[in-house]
Amino acid sequence: MTTHPPRTRQLDSADGTGPTAHDAMHAPGPQVDDHMAVDVALSVLMGARVPHLLLRDEDGRCTGLVTRAQLTAHRGGSWYIDPTRLRDIPLDRGPFTSSTSTLSEAEAAMRVRTLDVSPVVDAYGYALGVLALTP
């Protein structure tokens, strides 16, 4: 689901419970401020040739993930106004996957929430990468 290759690292956590989300995550890709306009974000996404953008607040903490389909759908709606900001459109706002979650816990949570991709964050809410489900 993502164009980024998986990181290669040891797949057993330090406590022996198995791989963690941090072990299986991919590079985060482009991150943009959540006050960016939808049109600009769509241009960034298409220019970077990536399937999604991570959103961050003014402090740099992860506030969501937006896909091309979400941006295109919003832009095509009758309610669309040119200066609409990313923070104003409906999208998943978390909770996000903790880097210390076991891979099986993270996968189960993503399947329950029907997410294909989830940001992986540290204890302070900063994006470290993304976790993508494979079919």
C-alpha atoms as a PDB file:
ATOM      1  CA  MET A   1       0.000   0.000   0.000  1.00  0.00           C
ATOM      2  CA  THR A   2       2.946   2.337   0.375  1.00  0.00           C
ATOM      3  CA  THR A   3       5.757   3.197  -1.990  1.00  0.00           C
ATOM      4  CA  HIS A   4       8.366   3.219   0.764  1.00  0.00           C
ATOM      5  CA  PRO A   5      10.390   0.042   1.357  1.00  0.00           C
ATOM      6  CA  PRO A   6      10.189  -1.408   4.861  1.00  0.00           C
ATOM      7  CA  ARG A   7      12.999  -0.676   7.254  1.00  0.00           C
ATOM      8  CA  THR A   8      15.335  -3.515   7.924  1.00  0.00           C
ATOM      9  CA  ARG A   9      15.958  -4.135  11.583  1.00  0.00           C
ATOM     10  CA  GLN A  10      15.704  -6.845  14.146  1.00  0.00           C
ATOM     11  CA  LEU A  11      12.073  -7.967  14.399  1.00  0.00           C
ATOM     12  CA  ASP A  12      12.050  -8.900  18.084  1.00  0.00           C
ATOM     13  CA  SER A  13      11.421  -6.262  20.713  1.00  0.00           C
ATOM     14  CA  ALA A  14      13.728  -5.932  23.676  1.00  0.00           C
ATOM     15  CA  ASP A  15      11.233  -7.603  26.024  1.00  0.00           C
ATOM     16  CA  GLY A  16      10.765 -10.608  23.727  1.00  0.00           C
ATOM     17  CA  THR A  17       7.072  -9.972  22.932  1.00  0.00           C
ATOM     18  CA  GLY A  18       7.680  -9.853  19.191  1.00  0.00           C
ATOM     19  CA  PRO A  19       8.020  -7.100  16.628  1.00  0.00           C
ATOM     20  CA  THR A  20       6.754  -3.621  17.442  1.00  0.00           C
ATOM     21  CA  ALA A  21       5.180  -0.990  15.220  1.00  0.00           C
ATOM     22  CA  HIS A  22       8.532   0.809  15.279  1.00  0.00           C
ATOM     23  CA  ASP A  23      10.202  -2.289  13.822  1.00  0.00           C
ATOM     24  CA  ALA A  24       7.747  -2.549  10.909  1.00  0.00           C
ATOM     25  CA  MET A  25       7.064   1.092  10.073  1.00  0.00           C
ATOM     26  CA  HIS A  26       8.039   2.826   6.854  1.00  0.00           C
ATOM     27  CA  ALA A  27       9.561   6.278   6.450  1.00  0.00           C
ATOM     28  CA  PRO A  28       6.956   8.950   7.224  1.00  0.00           C
ATOM     29  CA  GLY A  29       7.141  10.703   3.869  1.00  0.00           C
ATOM     30  CA  PRO A  30       6.104  14.331   3.443  1.00  0.00           C
ATOM     31  CA  GLN A  31       4.660  16.132   6.459  1.00  0.00           C
ATOM     32  CA  VAL A  32       2.672  19.342   6.066  1.00  0.00           C
ATOM     33  CA  ASP A  33       1.100  21.813   8.443  1.00  0.00           C
ATOM     34  CA  ASP A  34      -2.585  21.225   9.115  1.00  0.00           C
ATOM     35  CA  HIS A  35      -3.360  24.865   8.280  1.00  0.00           C
ATOM     36  CA  MET A  36      -2.344  24.280   4.629  1.00  0.00           C
ATOM     37  CA  ALA A  37      -5.088  24.788   2.025  1.00  0.00           C
ATOM     38  CA  VAL A  38      -6.587  21.651   0.466  1.00  0.00           C
ATOM     39  CA  ASP A  39      -5.534  22.720  -3.059  1.00  0.00           C
ATOM     40  CA  VAL A  40      -1.934  23.251  -1.994  1.00  0.00           C
ATOM     41  CA  ALA A  41      -1.853  19.925  -0.134  1.00  0.00           C
ATOM     42  CA  LEU A  42      -3.180  18.122  -3.203  1.00  0.00           C
ATOM     43  CA  SER A  43      -0.438  19.730  -5.298  1.00  0.00           C
ATOM     44  CA  VAL A  44       2.221  18.694  -2.773  1.00  0.00           C
ATOM     45  CA  LEU A  45       0.887  15.141  -2.679  1.00  0.00           C
ATOM     46  CA  MET A  46       0.836  14.825  -6.472  1.00  0.00           C
ATOM     47  CA  GLY A  47       4.229  16.508  -6.870  1.00  0.00           C
ATOM     48  CA  ALA A  48       5.836  14.196  -4.333  1.00  0.00           C
ATOM     49  CA  ARG A  49       4.116  11.175  -5.930  1.00  0.00           C
ATOM     50  CA  VAL A  50       3.133   9.706  -2.591  1.00  0.00           C
ATOM     51  CA  PRO A  51      -0.146   8.078  -1.498  1.00  0.00           C
ATOM     52  CA  HIS A  52      -0.603  10.222   1.626  1.00  0.00           C
ATOM     53  CA  LEU A  53       0.590  13.215   3.611  1.00  0.00           C
ATOM     54  CA  LEU A  54       1.084  13.367   7.365  1.00  0.00           C
ATOM     55  CA  LEU A  55      -0.393  16.437   9.007  1.00  0.00           C
ATOM     56  CA  ARG A  56       1.236  18.233  11.915  1.00  0.00           C
ATOM     57  CA  ASP A  57       0.223  21.072  14.212  1.00  0.00           C
ATOM     58  CA  GLU A  58       2.162  24.253  14.965  1.00  0.00           C
ATOM     59  CA  ASP A  59       4.321  22.313  17.458  1.00  0.00           C
ATOM     60  CA  GLY A  60       5.184  19.609  14.924  1.00  0.00           C
ATOM     61  CA  ARG A  61       3.015  16.892  16.515  1.00  0.00           C
ATOM     62  CA  CYS A  62       1.088  14.536  14.267  1.00  0.00           C
ATOM     63  CA  THR A  63      -2.570  15.506  13.816  1.00  0.00           C
ATOM     64  CA  GLY A  64      -3.605  13.128  11.054  1.00  0.00           C
ATOM     65  CA  LEU A  65      -3.003  11.498   7.730  1.00  0.00           C
ATOM     66  CA  VAL A  66      -4.720  12.493   4.500  1.00  0.00           C
ATOM     67  CA  THR A  67      -4.870  10.614   1.202  1.00  0.00           C
ATOM     68  CA  ARG A  68      -5.349  11.756  -2.362  1.00  0.00           C
ATOM     69  CA  ALA A  69      -8.844  10.248  -2.369  1.00  0.00           C
ATOM     70  CA  GLN A  70      -9.821  12.275   0.719  1.00  0.00           C
ATOM     71  CA  LEU A  71      -8.477  15.516  -0.748  1.00  0.00           C
ATOM     72  CA  THR A  72     -10.077  14.931  -4.139  1.00  0.00           C
ATOM     73  CA  ALA A  73     -13.431  13.990  -2.601  1.00  0.00           C
ATOM     74  CA  HIS A  74     -13.447  17.084  -0.412  1.00  0.00           C
ATOM     75  CA  ARG A  75     -12.412  19.341  -3.245  1.00  0.00           C
ATOM     76  CA  GLY A  76     -15.235  18.032  -5.441  1.00  0.00           C
ATOM     77  CA  GLY A  77     -17.958  18.577  -2.824  1.00  0.00           C
ATOM     78  CA  SER A  78     -20.567  21.323  -3.106  1.00  0.00           C
ATOM     79  CA  TRP A  79     -19.375  22.725   0.248  1.00  0.00           C
ATOM     80  CA  TYR A  80     -15.831  23.249  -1.000  1.00  0.00           C
ATOM     81  CA  ILE A  81     -14.423  26.751  -0.658  1.00  0.00           C
ATOM     82  CA  ASP A  82     -10.962  27.496  -2.045  1.00  0.00           C
ATOM     83  CA  PRO A  83      -9.223  28.467   1.246  1.00  0.00           C
ATOM     84  CA  THR A  84     -10.449  25.374   3.138  1.00  0.00           C
ATOM     85  CA  ARG A  85      -7.696  24.205   5.476  1.00  0.00           C
ATOM     86  CA  LEU A  86      -6.703  20.601   6.079  1.00  0.00           C
ATOM     87  CA  ARG A  87      -7.637  20.925   9.754  1.00  0.00           C
ATOM     88  CA  ASP A  88     -11.215  21.712   8.688  1.00  0.00           C
ATOM     89  CA  ILE A  89     -11.895  18.577   6.659  1.00  0.00           C
ATOM     90  CA  PRO A  90     -13.101  15.311   8.207  1.00  0.00           C
ATOM     91  CA  LEU A  91     -10.316  12.752   8.561  1.00  0.00           C
ATOM     92  CA  ASP A  92      -8.923  10.330  11.105  1.00  0.00           C
ATOM     93  CA  ARG A  93      -7.458  12.301  14.014  1.00  0.00           C
ATOM     94  CA  GLY A  94      -6.220   9.347  16.037  1.00  0.00           C
ATOM     95  CA  PRO A  95      -5.448   7.762  18.314  1.00  0.00           C
ATOM     96  CA  PHE A  96      -2.379   6.905  16.316  1.00  0.00           C
ATOM     97  CA  THR A  97      -0.184   3.830  16.556  1.00  0.00           C
ATOM     98  CA  SER A  98       2.367   3.990  19.362  1.00  0.00           C
ATOM     99  CA  SER A  99       5.889   3.043  18.357  1.00  0.00           C
ATOM    100  CA  THR A 100       5.986   0.660  21.348  1.00  0.00           C
ATOM    101  CA  SER A 101       2.791  -1.238  20.407  1.00  0.00           C
ATOM    102  CA  THR A 102       3.345  -4.816  19.359  1.00  0.00           C
ATOM    103  CA  LEU A 103       2.791  -5.371  15.687  1.00  0.00           C
ATOM    104  CA  SER A 104      -0.165  -7.676  16.340  1.00  0.00           C
ATOM    105  CA  GLU A 105      -1.858  -5.045  18.573  1.00  0.00           C
ATOM    106  CA  ALA A 106      -1.288  -2.326  15.987  1.00  0.00           C
ATOM    107  CA  GLU A 107      -2.622  -4.482  13.169  1.00  0.00           C
ATOM    108  CA  ALA A 108      -5.730  -5.439  15.147  1.00  0.00           C
ATOM    109  CA  ALA A 109      -6.451  -1.792  16.022  1.00  0.00           C
ATOM    110  CA  MET A 110      -6.051  -0.729  12.383  1.00  0.00           C
ATOM    111  CA  ARG A 111      -8.392  -3.485  11.173  1.00  0.00           C
ATOM    112  CA  VAL A 112     -11.059  -2.528  13.749  1.00  0.00           C
ATOM    113  CA  ARG A 113     -10.853   1.105  12.619  1.00  0.00           C
ATOM    114  CA  THR A 114     -10.662   0.038   8.929  1.00  0.00           C
ATOM    115  CA  LEU A 115      -7.406   1.884   8.329  1.00  0.00           C
ATOM    116  CA  ASP A 116      -4.962   0.845   5.616  1.00  0.00           C
ATOM    117  CA  VAL A 117      -2.265   3.228   6.872  1.00  0.00           C
ATOM    118  CA  SER A 118      -1.648   4.691  10.329  1.00  0.00           C
ATOM    119  CA  PRO A 119       0.937   7.183  11.589  1.00  0.00           C
ATOM    120  CA  VAL A 120       3.392   5.756  14.121  1.00  0.00           C
ATOM    121  CA  VAL A 121       4.107   8.290  16.856  1.00  0.00           C
ATOM    122  CA  ASP A 122       6.453   8.546  19.825  1.00  0.00           C
ATOM    123  CA  ALA A 123       5.359   9.204  23.411  1.00  0.00           C
ATOM    124  CA  TYR A 124       5.113  12.942  22.679  1.00  0.00           C
ATOM    125  CA  GLY A 125       2.970  12.653  19.545  1.00  0.00           C
ATOM    126  CA  TYR A 126       5.670  13.264  16.927  1.00  0.00           C
ATOM    127  CA  ALA A 127       5.424  11.139  13.760  1.00  0.00           C
ATOM    128  CA  LEU A 128       8.212   8.596  13.388  1.00  0.00           C
ATOM    129  CA  GLY A 129       6.806   6.771  10.383  1.00  0.00           C
ATOM    130  CA  VAL A 130       3.739   5.028   9.002  1.00  0.00           C
ATOM    131  CA  LEU A 131       2.454   1.498   9.359  1.00  0.00           C
ATOM    132  CA  ALA A 132       0.689   0.033   6.313  1.00  0.00           C
ATOM    133  CA  LEU A 133      -1.446  -3.098   6.220  1.00  0.00           C
ATOM    134  CA  THR A 134      -0.766  -5.490   3.404  1.00  0.00           C
ATOM    135  CA  PRO A 135      -3.640  -7.379   1.816  1.00  0.00           C
END
